[in-house]
Amino acid sequence: MEEKKIVMVTDSGEEVEFYVLEETKINGMNYLLVTDAEEDDDEGECYVLKDLSQADEEEAVYEFVEDDDEIEYLF
């Protein structure tokens, strides 16, 4: 199975790669569960990203979900 990878650019212009574990849509909002670990055996951090992109945007815009209530709702 091919891993789906996304590259995010930080505010300082640094590129950071994440591997998509799951994608879901809840209440019309798209979410990604991503990790910075390259393989299943590697230990890494997991993050939940919310897609804030507009339909007419060429590139996706994501933000990290940091609100504990929103994270609990998603799980």
Protein backbone atom coordinates (compact mmCIF):
# COMPACT_ATOMS: atom_id res chain seq x y z
CA MET A 1 0.00 0.00 0.00
CA GLU A 2 1.40 3.39 -1.01
CA GLU A 3 1.73 5.93 1.77
CA LYS A 4 0.07 9.27 1.22
CA LYS A 5 2.40 12.10 2.15
CA ILE A 6 1.77 15.82 2.50
CA VAL A 7 4.32 18.59 2.77
CA MET A 8 3.48 21.59 4.91
CA VAL A 9 5.34 24.89 4.86
CA THR A 10 5.77 26.62 8.20
CA ASP A 11 5.48 30.37 8.70
CA SER A 12 9.29 30.53 8.52
CA GLY A 13 9.30 28.74 5.14
CA GLU A 14 10.54 25.36 6.41
CA GLU A 15 9.05 22.30 4.69
CA VAL A 16 7.81 19.53 6.99
CA GLU A 17 6.61 16.12 5.73
CA PHE A 18 3.73 14.22 7.29
CA TYR A 19 2.30 10.81 6.45
CA VAL A 20 -1.49 10.57 6.31
CA LEU A 21 -2.90 7.77 8.45
CA GLU A 22 -6.62 8.56 8.11
CA GLU A 23 -8.89 11.05 6.38
CA THR A 24 -12.44 11.82 7.45
CA LYS A 25 -15.19 14.39 7.00
CA ILE A 26 -17.25 15.42 10.02
CA ASN A 27 -20.00 18.05 9.85
CA GLY A 28 -18.74 19.19 6.44
CA MET A 29 -15.15 19.72 7.64
CA ASN A 30 -12.27 17.57 6.37
CA TYR A 31 -9.74 16.26 8.89
CA LEU A 32 -6.47 14.37 8.55
CA LEU A 33 -4.74 12.19 11.11
CA VAL A 34 -1.03 12.46 10.29
CA THR A 35 2.29 11.35 11.72
CA ASP A 36 5.88 12.43 11.30
CA ALA A 37 7.09 8.78 11.46
CA GLU A 38 8.09 7.34 8.11
CA GLU A 39 7.19 3.70 8.81
CA ASP A 40 4.84 1.81 11.13
CA ASP A 41 7.78 0.67 13.26
CA ASP A 42 9.11 4.19 13.85
CA GLU A 43 7.99 6.10 16.89
CA GLY A 44 6.56 9.46 15.99
CA GLU A 45 4.04 12.05 16.96
CA CYS A 46 0.47 12.04 15.66
CA TYR A 47 -1.44 15.21 14.85
CA VAL A 48 -4.96 16.10 13.75
CA LEU A 49 -5.17 18.65 10.95
CA LYS A 50 -8.27 20.58 9.89
CA ASP A 51 -8.64 21.53 6.22
CA LEU A 52 -9.42 25.25 6.01
CA SER A 53 -9.08 25.42 2.20
CA GLN A 54 -11.62 27.24 0.09
CA ALA A 55 -12.97 25.40 -2.96
CA ASP A 56 -11.21 27.78 -5.37
CA GLU A 57 -7.76 27.56 -3.72
CA GLU A 58 -5.03 25.75 -5.63
CA GLU A 59 -3.18 24.55 -2.51
CA ALA A 60 -4.69 23.09 0.65
CA VAL A 61 -4.59 25.08 3.88
CA TYR A 62 -4.42 23.06 7.11
CA GLU A 63 -4.20 24.01 10.74
CA PHE A 64 -3.32 21.83 13.70
CA VAL A 65 -6.29 21.03 15.93
CA GLU A 66 -5.16 21.97 19.41
CA ASP A 67 -8.50 22.49 21.16
CA ASP A 68 -9.00 19.58 23.58
CA ASP A 69 -12.81 19.70 23.22
CA GLU A 70 -12.58 19.49 19.42
CA ILE A 71 -10.07 16.62 19.58
CA GLU A 72 -12.29 14.73 22.04
CA TYR A 73 -15.31 15.30 19.78
CA LEU A 74 -13.41 13.93 16.77
CA PHE A 75 -12.37 10.76 18.58
